[in-house]
Structure formats: C-alpha cells, structure tokens
Amino acid sequence: MTRSELIAELASANPHLRAQDVELIVGTVFDEISAALARGERVELRGFGAFTVKKRDARTGRNPRTGAAVPVDEKAVPFFKAGKELRERVNKGATRPLAGE
C-alpha cells in the first residue's frame, strides 16, 4: 500500500473528515516518527510494532563489479520490529475491520 492509497482508504473509512485533513494527519504522523528516529528515540505503537535506530559499524565491503575492497562508513539505519498483535494477524491472514466499518 502506498501513502496515497493509505490516505484514500482512511478518507473513505472516515467520511466526516476531509481528504486534505486525512493527508495532513498521515503526513504529521510520518514526520513525527521520522523526527523521533532522527533524534535517536524509539517509537512504539502498541499492537503494531516499534521503530528504532540501529548502528552499523564501519566495515570493508566489496565492489560487486570489480571485486575490489571498498571501505563502508559507519551508519545508522531505521529498524522495525513487529508487535505481537501484528505478527498474529499477519500469520492468520485475518483482517480486523477499520474503525467505522
């Protein structure tokens, strides 16, 4: 599902909200999660999962075309760990109706 599909789905499930308002809400949520991760904070959404930042140490990689050794700098990468409820729903293939349905 893309961001625009998510916005359209939420807008149709919540007809009392304007599409522009839903777009603003979704954008604000994503911006806040991104900002928290940039600050090195953990973001937990109960029943869904947790976003964290993991550090990857510097290492020596390989250029796949030439096979030459290439230094790879240390970096921080976002990491998502699914919550128990999400894992169970994915494994069962069950979907709970959206709010308002």
N, C-alpha and C. Protein backbone atom coordinates (compact mmCIF):
# COMPACT_ATOMS: atom_id res chain seq x y z
N MET A 1 0.85 -1.17 0.00
CA MET A 1 0.00 0.00 0.00
C MET A 1 0.90 1.24 0.00
N THR A 2 0.59 2.16 -0.89
CA THR A 2 1.36 3.39 -0.96
C THR A 2 0.75 4.43 -0.01
N ARG A 3 1.48 5.52 0.18
CA ARG A 3 0.99 6.59 1.05
C ARG A 3 -0.35 7.14 0.55
N SER A 4 -0.45 7.37 -0.76
CA SER A 4 -1.70 7.90 -1.31
C SER A 4 -2.85 6.90 -1.17
N GLU A 5 -2.56 5.62 -1.29
CA GLU A 5 -3.59 4.60 -1.08
C GLU A 5 -4.05 4.57 0.38
N LEU A 6 -3.10 4.73 1.30
CA LEU A 6 -3.44 4.80 2.72
C LEU A 6 -4.35 5.99 3.00
N ILE A 7 -4.01 7.13 2.44
CA ILE A 7 -4.82 8.34 2.64
C ILE A 7 -6.22 8.14 2.07
N ALA A 8 -6.31 7.57 0.88
CA ALA A 8 -7.62 7.33 0.26
C ALA A 8 -8.45 6.35 1.10
N GLU A 9 -7.82 5.30 1.61
CA GLU A 9 -8.51 4.30 2.43
C GLU A 9 -9.03 4.92 3.72
N LEU A 10 -8.18 5.72 4.38
CA LEU A 10 -8.61 6.37 5.62
C LEU A 10 -9.71 7.39 5.37
N ALA A 11 -9.61 8.11 4.27
CA ALA A 11 -10.63 9.12 3.94
C ALA A 11 -11.97 8.46 3.67
N SER A 12 -11.96 7.32 2.97
CA SER A 12 -13.23 6.64 2.69
C SER A 12 -13.81 5.99 3.94
N ALA A 13 -12.95 5.57 4.87
CA ALA A 13 -13.42 4.96 6.11
C ALA A 13 -13.91 6.00 7.11
N ASN A 14 -13.51 7.26 6.91
CA ASN A 14 -13.89 8.35 7.81
C ASN A 14 -14.48 9.50 7.00
N PRO A 15 -15.74 9.34 6.54
CA PRO A 15 -16.33 10.36 5.66
C PRO A 15 -16.54 11.71 6.34
N HIS A 16 -16.48 11.74 7.67
CA HIS A 16 -16.63 13.01 8.37
C HIS A 16 -15.37 13.87 8.30
N LEU A 17 -14.26 13.30 7.79
CA LEU A 17 -13.01 14.04 7.63
C LEU A 17 -12.79 14.36 6.15
N ARG A 18 -12.29 15.57 5.89
CA ARG A 18 -11.94 15.94 4.51
C ARG A 18 -10.66 15.21 4.12
N ALA A 19 -10.51 14.93 2.83
CA ALA A 19 -9.33 14.23 2.33
C ALA A 19 -8.05 15.02 2.65
N GLN A 20 -8.13 16.36 2.59
CA GLN A 20 -6.97 17.20 2.91
C GLN A 20 -6.58 17.04 4.38
N ASP A 21 -7.58 16.89 5.26
CA ASP A 21 -7.29 16.71 6.68
C ASP A 21 -6.63 15.35 6.92
N VAL A 22 -7.12 14.32 6.25
CA VAL A 22 -6.54 12.98 6.38
C VAL A 22 -5.09 13.01 5.89
N GLU A 23 -4.85 13.69 4.77
CA GLU A 23 -3.49 13.81 4.24
C GLU A 23 -2.57 14.51 5.23
N LEU A 24 -3.07 15.56 5.87
CA LEU A 24 -2.29 16.28 6.88
C LEU A 24 -2.00 15.39 8.08
N ILE A 25 -2.98 14.62 8.52
CA ILE A 25 -2.80 13.72 9.67
C ILE A 25 -1.74 12.67 9.36
N VAL A 26 -1.86 12.01 8.21
CA VAL A 26 -0.90 10.97 7.83
C VAL A 26 0.50 11.56 7.71
N GLY A 27 0.61 12.71 7.06
CA GLY A 27 1.90 13.37 6.92
C GLY A 27 2.52 13.74 8.25
N THR A 28 1.69 14.23 9.18
CA THR A 28 2.17 14.61 10.51
C THR A 28 2.67 13.39 11.28
N VAL A 29 1.94 12.29 11.21
CA VAL A 29 2.36 11.07 11.91
C VAL A 29 3.71 10.59 11.37
N PHE A 30 3.84 10.53 10.04
CA PHE A 30 5.10 10.08 9.44
C PHE A 30 6.24 11.04 9.77
N ASP A 31 5.97 12.34 9.75
CA ASP A 31 7.00 13.33 10.07
C ASP A 31 7.47 13.19 11.51
N GLU A 32 6.54 12.96 12.43
CA GLU A 32 6.90 12.82 13.85
C GLU A 32 7.70 11.55 14.10
N ILE A 33 7.34 10.46 13.43
CA ILE A 33 8.11 9.22 13.57
C ILE A 33 9.52 9.44 13.03
N SER A 34 9.63 10.08 11.87
CA SER A 34 10.95 10.35 11.28
C SER A 34 11.79 11.25 12.17
N ALA A 35 11.18 12.30 12.72
CA ALA A 35 11.91 13.23 13.59
C ALA A 35 12.39 12.53 14.85
N ALA A 36 11.56 11.68 15.44
CA ALA A 36 11.96 10.96 16.65
C ALA A 36 13.12 10.02 16.36
N LEU A 37 13.07 9.33 15.23
CA LEU A 37 14.17 8.43 14.87
C LEU A 37 15.44 9.22 14.60
N ALA A 38 15.32 10.39 13.98
CA ALA A 38 16.49 11.24 13.72
C ALA A 38 17.14 11.69 15.03
N ARG A 39 16.33 11.84 16.08
CA ARG A 39 16.86 12.21 17.40
C ARG A 39 17.39 10.99 18.15
N GLY A 40 17.26 9.81 17.56
CA GLY A 40 17.75 8.58 18.20
C GLY A 40 16.75 7.97 19.17
N GLU A 41 15.50 8.43 19.13
CA GLU A 41 14.48 7.93 20.04
C GLU A 41 13.81 6.69 19.45
N ARG A 42 13.15 5.96 20.31
CA ARG A 42 12.38 4.77 19.94
C ARG A 42 10.92 5.18 19.82
N VAL A 43 10.23 4.68 18.80
CA VAL A 43 8.81 4.96 18.61
C VAL A 43 8.06 3.64 18.68
N GLU A 44 7.16 3.52 19.66
CA GLU A 44 6.40 2.28 19.83
C GLU A 44 4.92 2.55 19.62
N LEU A 45 4.31 1.76 18.76
CA LEU A 45 2.88 1.82 18.52
C LEU A 45 2.31 0.49 19.01
N ARG A 46 1.66 0.51 20.15
CA ARG A 46 1.16 -0.71 20.79
C ARG A 46 0.30 -1.52 19.83
N GLY A 47 0.56 -2.81 19.77
CA GLY A 47 -0.18 -3.71 18.90
C GLY A 47 0.31 -3.70 17.47
N PHE A 48 1.13 -2.74 17.10
CA PHE A 48 1.66 -2.65 15.74
C PHE A 48 3.13 -3.00 15.70
N GLY A 49 3.95 -2.25 16.45
CA GLY A 49 5.38 -2.53 16.46
C GLY A 49 6.18 -1.35 16.95
N ALA A 50 7.49 -1.48 16.86
CA ALA A 50 8.39 -0.44 17.35
C ALA A 50 9.44 -0.11 16.29
N PHE A 51 9.67 1.18 16.13
CA PHE A 51 10.72 1.68 15.24
C PHE A 51 11.89 2.10 16.10
N THR A 52 13.09 1.68 15.73
CA THR A 52 14.30 2.07 16.43
C THR A 52 15.38 2.39 15.40
N VAL A 53 16.49 2.91 15.89
CA VAL A 53 17.64 3.18 15.04
C VAL A 53 18.76 2.25 15.49
N LYS A 54 19.33 1.54 14.54
CA LYS A 54 20.46 0.65 14.85
C LYS A 54 21.71 1.20 14.18
N LYS A 55 22.82 1.05 14.87
CA LYS A 55 24.11 1.49 14.34
C LYS A 55 24.76 0.34 13.59
N ARG A 56 25.26 0.62 12.42
CA ARG A 56 26.04 -0.35 11.66
C ARG A 56 27.49 0.11 11.70
N ASP A 57 28.37 -0.74 12.17
CA ASP A 57 29.78 -0.40 12.26
C ASP A 57 30.41 -0.27 10.88
N ALA A 58 31.51 0.48 10.84
CA ALA A 58 32.27 0.60 9.60
C ALA A 58 32.83 -0.78 9.25
N ARG A 59 32.95 -1.04 7.95
CA ARG A 59 33.43 -2.34 7.52
C ARG A 59 34.08 -2.20 6.15
N THR A 60 34.68 -3.27 5.70
CA THR A 60 35.23 -3.31 4.36
C THR A 60 34.29 -4.13 3.49
N GLY A 61 33.75 -3.49 2.46
CA GLY A 61 32.85 -4.17 1.53
C GLY A 61 33.57 -4.51 0.24
N ARG A 62 32.84 -5.03 -0.70
CA ARG A 62 33.41 -5.39 -2.00
C ARG A 62 32.59 -4.76 -3.11
N ASN A 63 33.28 -4.23 -4.10
CA ASN A 63 32.61 -3.74 -5.30
C ASN A 63 32.19 -4.97 -6.09
N PRO A 64 30.88 -5.18 -6.32
CA PRO A 64 30.46 -6.41 -6.99
C PRO A 64 30.94 -6.53 -8.44
N ARG A 65 31.22 -5.40 -9.08
CA ARG A 65 31.66 -5.45 -10.47
C ARG A 65 33.14 -5.81 -10.58
N THR A 66 33.97 -5.18 -9.73
CA THR A 66 35.42 -5.39 -9.84
C THR A 66 35.99 -6.32 -8.78
N GLY A 67 35.26 -6.49 -7.68
CA GLY A 67 35.76 -7.33 -6.59
C GLY A 67 36.73 -6.59 -5.69
N ALA A 68 36.97 -5.31 -5.97
CA ALA A 68 37.91 -4.52 -5.17
C ALA A 68 37.31 -4.22 -3.79
N ALA A 69 38.18 -4.16 -2.78
CA ALA A 69 37.75 -3.82 -1.43
C ALA A 69 37.38 -2.35 -1.36
N VAL A 70 36.26 -2.06 -0.71
CA VAL A 70 35.77 -0.69 -0.60
C VAL A 70 35.42 -0.42 0.86
N PRO A 71 35.93 0.69 1.43
CA PRO A 71 35.56 0.99 2.81
C PRO A 71 34.11 1.50 2.89
N VAL A 72 33.35 0.97 3.84
CA VAL A 72 31.97 1.39 4.06
C VAL A 72 31.93 2.05 5.43
N ASP A 73 31.50 3.31 5.47
CA ASP A 73 31.49 4.07 6.72
C ASP A 73 30.43 3.55 7.69
N GLU A 74 30.60 3.92 8.97
CA GLU A 74 29.60 3.62 9.99
C GLU A 74 28.33 4.39 9.64
N LYS A 75 27.17 3.78 9.91
CA LYS A 75 25.92 4.47 9.61
C LYS A 75 24.83 4.02 10.57
N ALA A 76 23.79 4.82 10.62
CA ALA A 76 22.60 4.49 11.40
C ALA A 76 21.49 4.14 10.44
N VAL A 77 20.75 3.06 10.73
CA VAL A 77 19.66 2.63 9.85
C VAL A 77 18.39 2.44 10.67
N PRO A 78 17.24 2.80 10.10
CA PRO A 78 15.98 2.57 10.80
C PRO A 78 15.68 1.07 10.83
N PHE A 79 15.05 0.63 11.92
CA PHE A 79 14.72 -0.78 12.10
C PHE A 79 13.31 -0.87 12.66
N PHE A 80 12.53 -1.83 12.15
CA PHE A 80 11.16 -2.03 12.62
C PHE A 80 11.02 -3.43 13.16
N LYS A 81 10.45 -3.54 14.35
CA LYS A 81 10.14 -4.84 14.92
C LYS A 81 8.63 -4.91 15.11
N ALA A 82 8.01 -5.88 14.45
CA ALA A 82 6.56 -6.02 14.53
C ALA A 82 6.13 -6.44 15.92
N GLY A 83 4.99 -5.91 16.36
CA GLY A 83 4.42 -6.27 17.65
C GLY A 83 3.71 -7.60 17.58
N LYS A 84 3.37 -8.13 18.74
CA LYS A 84 2.74 -9.45 18.83
C LYS A 84 1.41 -9.50 18.06
N GLU A 85 0.57 -8.50 18.26
CA GLU A 85 -0.74 -8.50 17.58
C GLU A 85 -0.59 -8.46 16.06
N LEU A 86 0.33 -7.65 15.56
CA LEU A 86 0.56 -7.57 14.12
C LEU A 86 1.07 -8.91 13.59
N ARG A 87 2.03 -9.51 14.27
CA ARG A 87 2.55 -10.81 13.83
C ARG A 87 1.44 -11.85 13.78
N GLU A 88 0.59 -11.89 14.81
CA GLU A 88 -0.50 -12.86 14.84
C GLU A 88 -1.48 -12.64 13.70
N ARG A 89 -1.82 -11.37 13.43
CA ARG A 89 -2.77 -11.06 12.34
C ARG A 89 -2.19 -11.42 10.99
N VAL A 90 -0.91 -11.17 10.79
CA VAL A 90 -0.26 -11.50 9.51
C VAL A 90 -0.21 -13.01 9.34
N ASN A 91 0.13 -13.74 10.40
CA ASN A 91 0.23 -15.19 10.31
C ASN A 91 -1.12 -15.85 10.09
N LYS A 92 -2.18 -15.30 10.64
CA LYS A 92 -3.52 -15.85 10.45
C LYS A 92 -4.15 -15.37 9.15
N GLY A 93 -3.63 -14.27 8.61
CA GLY A 93 -4.21 -13.69 7.41
C GLY A 93 -5.54 -13.02 7.68
N ALA A 94 -5.84 -12.81 8.95
CA ALA A 94 -7.11 -12.18 9.33
C ALA A 94 -6.97 -10.67 9.29
N THR A 95 -8.05 -10.01 8.93
CA THR A 95 -8.07 -8.56 8.96
C THR A 95 -9.21 -8.10 9.83
N ARG A 96 -8.92 -7.15 10.68
CA ARG A 96 -9.94 -6.56 11.52
C ARG A 96 -10.51 -5.39 10.75
N PRO A 97 -11.83 -5.17 10.79
CA PRO A 97 -12.40 -4.04 10.06
C PRO A 97 -11.86 -2.72 10.56
N LEU A 98 -11.75 -1.77 9.64
CA LEU A 98 -11.32 -0.43 10.02
C LEU A 98 -12.34 0.22 10.91
N ALA A 99 -11.93 1.21 11.69
CA ALA A 99 -12.86 1.95 12.55
C ALA A 99 -13.96 2.55 11.69
N GLY A 100 -15.17 2.41 12.14
CA GLY A 100 -16.30 2.96 11.41
C GLY A 100 -16.95 1.99 10.45
N GLU A 101 -16.38 0.80 10.29
CA GLU A 101 -16.97 -0.18 9.37
C GLU A 101 -17.87 -1.13 10.14
